[in-house]
Amino acid sequence: MTPTAIQSDLVRHVVASTGLAPDIAARLVADVVAYFGETAEQFVRRRHAELRRRHLGNASIWPVIAAELADRRVAAPQLSERQLRRIVYG
């Protein structure tokens, strides 16, 4: 089954199980698929930016991101603070 067919099947399932309109269910499925399709690097950059917008400092951010990475759907490799900084700042 192709990714598009799987996504279509999932949209039909969400419509049937929730009563959502098909266009809303499709948007929901696309959003969830995109979220879980993030690479570890994309996740680190996105979460760092979100946490910085909350005015957190890097000393507080790195442990949060490291803990969240461990809970991802497909666990990312354990990264040190230095590796996390290099992903964000190059």
PDB file of N, CA and C in Angstrom:
ATOM      1  N   MET A   1       0.845  -1.176   0.000  1.00  0.00           N
ATOM      2  CA  MET A   1       0.000   0.000   0.000  1.00  0.00           C
ATOM      3  C   MET A   1       0.895   1.245   0.000  1.00  0.00           C
ATOM      4  N   THR A   2       0.615   2.196  -0.882  1.00  0.00           N
ATOM      5  CA  THR A   2       1.423   3.408  -0.987  1.00  0.00           C
ATOM      6  C   THR A   2       1.080   4.371   0.150  1.00  0.00           C
ATOM      7  N   PRO A   3       1.993   5.318   0.437  1.00  0.00           N
ATOM      8  CA  PRO A   3       1.702   6.296   1.489  1.00  0.00           C
ATOM      9  C   PRO A   3       0.399   7.054   1.258  1.00  0.00           C
ATOM     10  N   THR A   4       0.094   7.394  -0.015  1.00  0.00           N
ATOM     11  CA  THR A   4      -1.142   8.114  -0.310  1.00  0.00           C
ATOM     12  C   THR A   4      -2.352   7.238  -0.025  1.00  0.00           C
ATOM     13  N   ALA A   5      -2.274   5.953  -0.383  1.00  0.00           N
ATOM     14  CA  ALA A   5      -3.375   5.039  -0.110  1.00  0.00           C
ATOM     15  C   ALA A   5      -3.561   4.847   1.392  1.00  0.00           C
ATOM     16  N   ILE A   6      -2.472   4.746   2.118  1.00  0.00           N
ATOM     17  CA  ILE A   6      -2.551   4.612   3.579  1.00  0.00           C
ATOM     18  C   ILE A   6      -3.188   5.863   4.167  1.00  0.00           C
ATOM     19  N   GLN A   7      -2.763   7.023   3.683  1.00  0.00           N
ATOM     20  CA  GLN A   7      -3.309   8.273   4.195  1.00  0.00           C
ATOM     21  C   GLN A   7      -4.802   8.367   3.878  1.00  0.00           C
ATOM     22  N   SER A   8      -5.213   7.968   2.680  1.00  0.00           N
ATOM     23  CA  SER A   8      -6.630   7.990   2.314  1.00  0.00           C
ATOM     24  C   SER A   8      -7.433   7.047   3.198  1.00  0.00           C
ATOM     25  N   ASP A   9      -6.877   5.872   3.449  1.00  0.00           N
ATOM     26  CA  ASP A   9      -7.533   4.904   4.329  1.00  0.00           C
ATOM     27  C   ASP A   9      -7.668   5.476   5.736  1.00  0.00           C
ATOM     28  N   LEU A  10      -6.635   6.141   6.204  1.00  0.00           N
ATOM     29  CA  LEU A  10      -6.660   6.745   7.529  1.00  0.00           C
ATOM     30  C   LEU A  10      -7.691   7.874   7.591  1.00  0.00           C
ATOM     31  N   VAL A  11      -7.797   8.672   6.534  1.00  0.00           N
ATOM     32  CA  VAL A  11      -8.801   9.735   6.492  1.00  0.00           C
ATOM     33  C   VAL A  11     -10.196   9.122   6.583  1.00  0.00           C
ATOM     34  N   ARG A  12     -10.450   8.062   5.826  1.00  0.00           N
ATOM     35  CA  ARG A  12     -11.763   7.399   5.897  1.00  0.00           C
ATOM     36  C   ARG A  12     -12.040   6.882   7.312  1.00  0.00           C
ATOM     37  N   HIS A  13     -11.026   6.327   7.949  1.00  0.00           N
ATOM     38  CA  HIS A  13     -11.182   5.822   9.316  1.00  0.00           C
ATOM     39  C   HIS A  13     -11.493   6.958  10.291  1.00  0.00           C
ATOM     40  N   VAL A  14     -10.778   8.078  10.171  1.00  0.00           N
ATOM     41  CA  VAL A  14     -11.020   9.221  11.056  1.00  0.00           C
ATOM     42  C   VAL A  14     -12.426   9.772  10.840  1.00  0.00           C
ATOM     43  N   VAL A  15     -12.865   9.858   9.600  1.00  0.00           N
ATOM     44  CA  VAL A  15     -14.222  10.329   9.303  1.00  0.00           C
ATOM     45  C   VAL A  15     -15.243   9.400   9.952  1.00  0.00           C
ATOM     46  N   ALA A  16     -15.056   8.097   9.774  1.00  0.00           N
ATOM     47  CA  ALA A  16     -16.015   7.129  10.312  1.00  0.00           C
ATOM     48  C   ALA A  16     -16.013   7.093  11.836  1.00  0.00           C
ATOM     49  N   SER A  17     -14.853   7.227  12.438  1.00  0.00           N
ATOM     50  CA  SER A  17     -14.783   7.081  13.896  1.00  0.00           C
ATOM     51  C   SER A  17     -15.065   8.374  14.667  1.00  0.00           C
ATOM     52  N   THR A  18     -14.943   9.525  14.003  1.00  0.00           N
ATOM     53  CA  THR A  18     -15.129  10.793  14.718  1.00  0.00           C
ATOM     54  C   THR A  18     -16.307  11.604  14.220  1.00  0.00           C
ATOM     55  N   GLY A  19     -16.740  11.338  12.993  1.00  0.00           N
ATOM     56  CA  GLY A  19     -17.804  12.145  12.414  1.00  0.00           C
ATOM     57  C   GLY A  19     -17.320  13.469  11.847  1.00  0.00           C
ATOM     58  N   LEU A  20     -15.996  13.658  11.795  1.00  0.00           N
ATOM     59  CA  LEU A  20     -15.454  14.878  11.193  1.00  0.00           C
ATOM     60  C   LEU A  20     -15.753  14.897   9.700  1.00  0.00           C
ATOM     61  N   ALA A  21     -15.849  16.086   9.157  1.00  0.00           N
ATOM     62  CA  ALA A  21     -16.012  16.229   7.712  1.00  0.00           C
ATOM     63  C   ALA A  21     -14.742  15.725   7.026  1.00  0.00           C
ATOM     64  N   PRO A  22     -14.869  15.148   5.826  1.00  0.00           N
ATOM     65  CA  PRO A  22     -13.690  14.603   5.138  1.00  0.00           C
ATOM     66  C   PRO A  22     -12.560  15.609   4.942  1.00  0.00           C
ATOM     67  N   ASP A  23     -12.875  16.874   4.627  1.00  0.00           N
ATOM     68  CA  ASP A  23     -11.808  17.848   4.414  1.00  0.00           C
ATOM     69  C   ASP A  23     -11.077  18.175   5.722  1.00  0.00           C
ATOM     70  N   ILE A  24     -11.797  18.207   6.829  1.00  0.00           N
ATOM     71  CA  ILE A  24     -11.165  18.454   8.124  1.00  0.00           C
ATOM     72  C   ILE A  24     -10.342  17.237   8.543  1.00  0.00           C
ATOM     73  N   ALA A  25     -10.877  16.044   8.322  1.00  0.00           N
ATOM     74  CA  ALA A  25     -10.141  14.818   8.652  1.00  0.00           C
ATOM     75  C   ALA A  25      -8.862  14.723   7.825  1.00  0.00           C
ATOM     76  N   ALA A  26      -8.931  15.091   6.554  1.00  0.00           N
ATOM     77  CA  ALA A  26      -7.740  15.051   5.689  1.00  0.00           C
ATOM     78  C   ALA A  26      -6.688  16.030   6.182  1.00  0.00           C
ATOM     79  N   ARG A  27      -7.114  17.219   6.591  1.00  0.00           N
ATOM     80  CA  ARG A  27      -6.178  18.213   7.113  1.00  0.00           C
ATOM     81  C   ARG A  27      -5.542  17.722   8.411  1.00  0.00           C
ATOM     82  N   LEU A  28      -6.342  17.094   9.274  1.00  0.00           N
ATOM     83  CA  LEU A  28      -5.839  16.543  10.532  1.00  0.00           C
ATOM     84  C   LEU A  28      -4.807  15.454  10.272  1.00  0.00           C
ATOM     85  N   VAL A  29      -5.120  14.528   9.377  1.00  0.00           N
ATOM     86  CA  VAL A  29      -4.198  13.432   9.063  1.00  0.00           C
ATOM     87  C   VAL A  29      -2.909  13.983   8.458  1.00  0.00           C
ATOM     88  N   ALA A  30      -3.017  14.939   7.556  1.00  0.00           N
ATOM     89  CA  ALA A  30      -1.819  15.527   6.940  1.00  0.00           C
ATOM     90  C   ALA A  30      -0.941  16.196   7.992  1.00  0.00           C
ATOM     91  N   ASP A  31      -1.557  16.870   8.946  1.00  0.00           N
ATOM     92  CA  ASP A  31      -0.798  17.536  10.003  1.00  0.00           C
ATOM     93  C   ASP A  31      -0.078  16.518  10.884  1.00  0.00           C
ATOM     94  N   VAL A  32      -0.761  15.444  11.249  1.00  0.00           N
ATOM     95  CA  VAL A  32      -0.145  14.419  12.092  1.00  0.00           C
ATOM     96  C   VAL A  32       0.980  13.706  11.345  1.00  0.00           C
ATOM     97  N   VAL A  33       0.765  13.390  10.078  1.00  0.00           N
ATOM     98  CA  VAL A  33       1.803  12.737   9.278  1.00  0.00           C
ATOM     99  C   VAL A  33       3.029  13.637   9.166  1.00  0.00           C
ATOM    100  N   ALA A  34       2.825  14.931   8.948  1.00  0.00           N
ATOM    101  CA  ALA A  34       3.950  15.864   8.859  1.00  0.00           C
ATOM    102  C   ALA A  34       4.689  15.953  10.191  1.00  0.00           C
ATOM    103  N   TYR A  35       3.947  15.985  11.291  1.00  0.00           N
ATOM    104  CA  TYR A  35       4.564  16.072  12.614  1.00  0.00           C
ATOM    105  C   TYR A  35       5.475  14.870  12.862  1.00  0.00           C
ATOM    106  N   PHE A  36       4.970  13.686  12.592  1.00  0.00           N
ATOM    107  CA  PHE A  36       5.763  12.490  12.845  1.00  0.00           C
ATOM    108  C   PHE A  36       6.786  12.217  11.750  1.00  0.00           C
ATOM    109  N   GLY A  37       6.733  12.969  10.665  1.00  0.00           N
ATOM    110  CA  GLY A  37       7.712  12.829   9.605  1.00  0.00           C
ATOM    111  C   GLY A  37       8.946  13.688   9.801  1.00  0.00           C
ATOM    112  N   GLU A  38       8.936  14.515  10.850  1.00  0.00           N
ATOM    113  CA  GLU A  38      10.090  15.370  11.126  1.00  0.00           C
ATOM    114  C   GLU A  38      11.329  14.537  11.427  1.00  0.00           C
ATOM    115  N   THR A  39      12.453  14.976  10.922  1.00  0.00           N
ATOM    116  CA  THR A  39      13.719  14.361  11.311  1.00  0.00           C
ATOM    117  C   THR A  39      14.079  14.871  12.702  1.00  0.00           C
ATOM    118  N   ALA A  40      15.047  14.229  13.336  1.00  0.00           N
ATOM    119  CA  ALA A  40      15.508  14.684  14.646  1.00  0.00           C
ATOM    120  C   ALA A  40      16.006  16.122  14.556  1.00  0.00           C
ATOM    121  N   GLU A  41      16.727  16.450  13.484  1.00  0.00           N
ATOM    122  CA  GLU A  41      17.257  17.797  13.325  1.00  0.00           C
ATOM    123  C   GLU A  41      16.139  18.827  13.179  1.00  0.00           C
ATOM    124  N   GLN A  42      15.124  18.507  12.388  1.00  0.00           N
ATOM    125  CA  GLN A  42      13.994  19.425  12.223  1.00  0.00           C
ATOM    126  C   GLN A  42      13.263  19.626  13.549  1.00  0.00           C
ATOM    127  N   PHE A  43      13.079  18.540  14.294  1.00  0.00           N
ATOM    128  CA  PHE A  43      12.419  18.624  15.584  1.00  0.00           C
ATOM    129  C   PHE A  43      13.207  19.516  16.540  1.00  0.00           C
ATOM    130  N   VAL A  44      14.529  19.309  16.606  1.00  0.00           N
ATOM    131  CA  VAL A  44      15.366  20.094  17.517  1.00  0.00           C
ATOM    132  C   VAL A  44      15.271  21.580  17.157  1.00  0.00           C
ATOM    133  N   ARG A  45      15.366  21.902  15.882  1.00  0.00           N
ATOM    134  CA  ARG A  45      15.292  23.309  15.477  1.00  0.00           C
ATOM    135  C   ARG A  45      13.934  23.921  15.808  1.00  0.00           C
ATOM    136  N   ARG A  46      12.860  23.186  15.516  1.00  0.00           N
ATOM    137  CA  ARG A  46      11.511  23.692  15.779  1.00  0.00           C
ATOM    138  C   ARG A  46      11.285  23.900  17.275  1.00  0.00           C
ATOM    139  N   ARG A  47      11.632  22.892  18.078  1.00  0.00           N
ATOM    140  CA  ARG A  47      11.406  23.000  19.529  1.00  0.00           C
ATOM    141  C   ARG A  47      12.288  24.084  20.139  1.00  0.00           C
ATOM    142  N   HIS A  48      13.530  24.221  19.670  1.00  0.00           N
ATOM    143  CA  HIS A  48      14.405  25.267  20.195  1.00  0.00           C
ATOM    144  C   HIS A  48      13.771  26.632  19.939  1.00  0.00           C
ATOM    145  N   ALA A  49      13.281  26.853  18.728  1.00  0.00           N
ATOM    146  CA  ALA A  49      12.657  28.137  18.402  1.00  0.00           C
ATOM    147  C   ALA A  49      11.412  28.366  19.255  1.00  0.00           C
ATOM    148  N   GLU A  50      10.585  27.333  19.446  1.00  0.00           N
ATOM    149  CA  GLU A  50       9.379  27.469  20.276  1.00  0.00           C
ATOM    150  C   GLU A  50       9.742  27.827  21.714  1.00  0.00           C
ATOM    151  N   LEU A  51      10.722  27.156  22.270  1.00  0.00           N
ATOM    152  CA  LEU A  51      11.107  27.401  23.654  1.00  0.00           C
ATOM    153  C   LEU A  51      11.784  28.756  23.821  1.00  0.00           C
ATOM    154  N   ARG A  52      12.540  29.192  22.814  1.00  0.00           N
ATOM    155  CA  ARG A  52      13.146  30.529  22.865  1.00  0.00           C
ATOM    156  C   ARG A  52      12.060  31.603  22.850  1.00  0.00           C
ATOM    157  N   ARG A  53      10.997  31.378  22.074  1.00  0.00           N
ATOM    158  CA  ARG A  53       9.882  32.332  22.047  1.00  0.00           C
ATOM    159  C   ARG A  53       9.210  32.438  23.417  1.00  0.00           C
ATOM    160  N   ARG A  54       9.348  31.406  24.231  1.00  0.00           N
ATOM    161  CA  ARG A  54       8.820  31.441  25.609  1.00  0.00           C
ATOM    162  C   ARG A  54       9.838  32.047  26.577  1.00  0.00           C
ATOM    163  N   HIS A  55      10.911  32.588  26.025  1.00  0.00           N
ATOM    164  CA  HIS A  55      11.957  33.276  26.785  1.00  0.00           C
ATOM    165  C   HIS A  55      12.740  32.349  27.704  1.00  0.00           C
ATOM    166  N   LEU A  56      12.866  31.074  27.318  1.00  0.00           N
ATOM    167  CA  LEU A  56      13.713  30.163  28.071  1.00  0.00           C
ATOM    168  C   LEU A  56      15.143  30.279  27.574  1.00  0.00           C
ATOM    169  N   GLY A  57      16.091  30.108  28.464  1.00  0.00           N
ATOM    170  CA  GLY A  57      17.495  30.118  28.089  1.00  0.00           C
ATOM    171  C   GLY A  57      17.948  28.744  27.649  1.00  0.00           C
ATOM    172  N   ASN A  58      19.054  28.699  26.935  1.00  0.00           N
ATOM    173  CA  ASN A  58      19.554  27.429  26.426  1.00  0.00           C
ATOM    174  C   ASN A  58      19.832  26.414  27.530  1.00  0.00           C
ATOM    175  N   ALA A  59      20.282  26.869  28.693  1.00  0.00           N
ATOM    176  CA  ALA A  59      20.555  25.938  29.792  1.00  0.00           C
ATOM    177  C   ALA A  59      19.296  25.180  30.199  1.00  0.00           C
ATOM    178  N   SER A  60      18.144  25.796  30.041  1.00  0.00           N
ATOM    179  CA  SER A  60      16.871  25.129  30.337  1.00  0.00           C
ATOM    180  C   SER A  60      16.336  24.356  29.138  1.00  0.00           C
ATOM    181  N   ILE A  61      16.671  24.820  27.956  1.00  0.00           N
ATOM    182  CA  ILE A  61      16.114  24.231  26.733  1.00  0.00           C
ATOM    183  C   ILE A  61      16.718  22.870  26.417  1.00  0.00           C
ATOM    184  N   TRP A  62      18.047  22.735  26.497  1.00  0.00           N
ATOM    185  CA  TRP A  62      18.695  21.491  26.054  1.00  0.00           C
ATOM    186  C   TRP A  62      18.178  20.268  26.799  1.00  0.00           C
ATOM    187  N   PRO A  63      18.022  20.277  28.123  1.00  0.00           N
ATOM    188  CA  PRO A  63      17.488  19.085  28.792  1.00  0.00           C
ATOM    189  C   PRO A  63      16.056  18.757  28.372  1.00  0.00           C
ATOM    190  N   VAL A  64      15.243  19.786  28.117  1.00  0.00           N
ATOM    191  CA  VAL A  64      13.866  19.556  27.673  1.00  0.00           C
ATOM    192  C   VAL A  64      13.861  18.865  26.314  1.00  0.00           C
ATOM    193  N   ILE A  65      14.655  19.386  25.384  1.00  0.00           N
ATOM    194  CA  ILE A  65      14.697  18.802  24.040  1.00  0.00           C
ATOM    195  C   ILE A  65      15.240  17.380  24.089  1.00  0.00           C
ATOM    196  N   ALA A  66      16.281  17.151  24.865  1.00  0.00           N
ATOM    197  CA  ALA A  66      16.850  15.800  24.958  1.00  0.00           C
ATOM    198  C   ALA A  66      15.814  14.816  25.492  1.00  0.00           C
ATOM    199  N   ALA A  67      15.045  15.213  26.495  1.00  0.00           N
ATOM    200  CA  ALA A  67      14.014  14.330  27.052  1.00  0.00           C
ATOM    201  C   ALA A  67      12.898  14.090  26.041  1.00  0.00           C
ATOM    202  N   GLU A  68      12.487  15.128  25.318  1.00  0.00           N
ATOM    203  CA  GLU A  68      11.432  14.971  24.324  1.00  0.00           C
ATOM    204  C   GLU A  68      11.870  14.079  23.165  1.00  0.00           C
ATOM    205  N   LEU A  69      13.125  14.183  22.768  1.00  0.00           N
ATOM    206  CA  LEU A  69      13.625  13.327  21.679  1.00  0.00           C
ATOM    207  C   LEU A  69      13.495  11.856  22.041  1.00  0.00           C
ATOM    208  N   ALA A  70      13.735  11.531  23.302  1.00  0.00           N
ATOM    209  CA  ALA A  70      13.659  10.134  23.742  1.00  0.00           C
ATOM    210  C   ALA A  70      12.238   9.594  23.649  1.00  0.00           C
ATOM    211  N   ASP A  71      11.236  10.482  23.675  1.00  0.00           N
ATOM    212  CA  ASP A  71       9.833  10.062  23.629  1.00  0.00           C
ATOM    213  C   ASP A  71       9.217  10.122  22.247  1.00  0.00           C
ATOM    214  N   ARG A  72      10.007  10.464  21.244  1.00  0.00           N
ATOM    215  CA  ARG A  72       9.472  10.549  19.887  1.00  0.00           C
ATOM    216  C   ARG A  72       9.010   9.174  19.417  1.00  0.00           C
ATOM    217  N   ARG A  73       8.098   9.152  18.437  1.00  0.00           N
ATOM    218  CA  ARG A  73       7.533   7.907  17.906  1.00  0.00           C
ATOM    219  C   ARG A  73       8.630   6.929  17.518  1.00  0.00           C
ATOM    220  N   VAL A  74       9.597   7.406  16.781  1.00  0.00           N
ATOM    221  CA  VAL A  74      10.791   6.623  16.483  1.00  0.00           C
ATOM    222  C   VAL A  74      11.905   7.323  17.232  1.00  0.00           C
ATOM    223  N   ALA A  75      12.348   6.711  18.296  1.00  0.00           N
ATOM    224  CA  ALA A  75      13.312   7.377  19.169  1.00  0.00           C
ATOM    225  C   ALA A  75      14.552   7.793  18.386  1.00  0.00           C
ATOM    226  N   ALA A  76      14.906   9.028  18.557  1.00  0.00           N
ATOM    227  CA  ALA A  76      16.117   9.545  17.935  1.00  0.00           C
ATOM    228  C   ALA A  76      17.318   9.098  18.751  1.00  0.00           C
ATOM    229  N   PRO A  77      18.481   9.129  18.165  1.00  0.00           N
ATOM    230  CA  PRO A  77      19.669   8.789  18.948  1.00  0.00           C
ATOM    231  C   PRO A  77      19.838   9.794  20.078  1.00  0.00           C
ATOM    232  N   GLN A  78      20.428   9.352  21.176  1.00  0.00           N
ATOM    233  CA  GLN A  78      20.671  10.261  22.286  1.00  0.00           C
ATOM    234  C   GLN A  78      21.741  11.265  21.857  1.00  0.00           C
ATOM    235  N   LEU A  79      21.419  12.541  21.992  1.00  0.00           N
ATOM    236  CA  LEU A  79      22.321  13.598  21.565  1.00  0.00           C
ATOM    237  C   LEU A  79      22.788  14.396  22.774  1.00  0.00           C
ATOM    238  N   SER A  80      24.053  14.764  22.772  1.00  0.00           N
ATOM    239  CA  SER A  80      24.603  15.588  23.844  1.00  0.00           C
ATOM    240  C   SER A  80      24.157  17.035  23.636  1.00  0.00           C
ATOM    241  N   GLU A  81      24.356  17.871  24.657  1.00  0.00           N
ATOM    242  CA  GLU A  81      24.030  19.285  24.504  1.00  0.00           C
ATOM    243  C   GLU A  81      24.832  19.896  23.366  1.00  0.00           C
ATOM    244  N   ARG A  82      26.086  19.493  23.236  1.00  0.00           N
ATOM    245  CA  ARG A  82      26.919  20.026  22.154  1.00  0.00           C
ATOM    246  C   ARG A  82      26.327  19.677  20.794  1.00  0.00           C
ATOM    247  N   GLN A  83      25.891  18.421  20.621  1.00  0.00           N
ATOM    248  CA  GLN A  83      25.295  18.012  19.354  1.00  0.00           C
ATOM    249  C   GLN A  83      24.004  18.791  19.090  1.00  0.00           C
ATOM    250  N   LEU A  84      23.203  19.014  20.123  1.00  0.00           N
ATOM    251  CA  LEU A  84      21.981  19.796  19.969  1.00  0.00           C
ATOM    252  C   LEU A  84      22.300  21.225  19.544  1.00  0.00           C
ATOM    253  N   ARG A  85      23.312  21.832  20.176  1.00  0.00           N
ATOM    254  CA  ARG A  85      23.717  23.194  19.803  1.00  0.00           C
ATOM    255  C   ARG A  85      24.174  23.256  18.358  1.00  0.00           C
ATOM    256  N   ARG A  86      24.936  22.229  17.914  1.00  0.00           N
ATOM    257  CA  ARG A  86      25.443  22.226  16.529  1.00  0.00           C
ATOM    258  C   ARG A  86      24.299  22.109  15.533  1.00  0.00           C
ATOM    259  N   ILE A  87      23.219  21.372  15.889  1.00  0.00           N
ATOM    260  CA  ILE A  87      22.066  21.276  14.994  1.00  0.00           C
ATOM    261  C   ILE A  87      21.430  22.649  14.829  1.00  0.00           C
ATOM    262  N   VAL A  88      21.305  23.389  15.923  1.00  0.00           N
ATOM    263  CA  VAL A  88      20.643  24.691  15.879  1.00  0.00           C
ATOM    264  C   VAL A  88      21.541  25.767  15.275  1.00  0.00           C
ATOM    265  N   TYR A  89      22.777  25.818  15.731  1.00  0.00           N
ATOM    266  CA  TYR A  89      23.647  26.916  15.340  1.00  0.00           C
ATOM    267  C   TYR A  89      24.678  26.579  14.280  1.00  0.00           C
ATOM    268  N   GLY A  90      24.771  25.302  13.910  1.00  0.00           N
ATOM    269  CA  GLY A  90      25.698  24.897  12.876  1.00  0.00           C
ATOM    270  C   GLY A  90      27.100  24.640  13.331  1.00  0.00           C
TER     271      GLY A  90
END
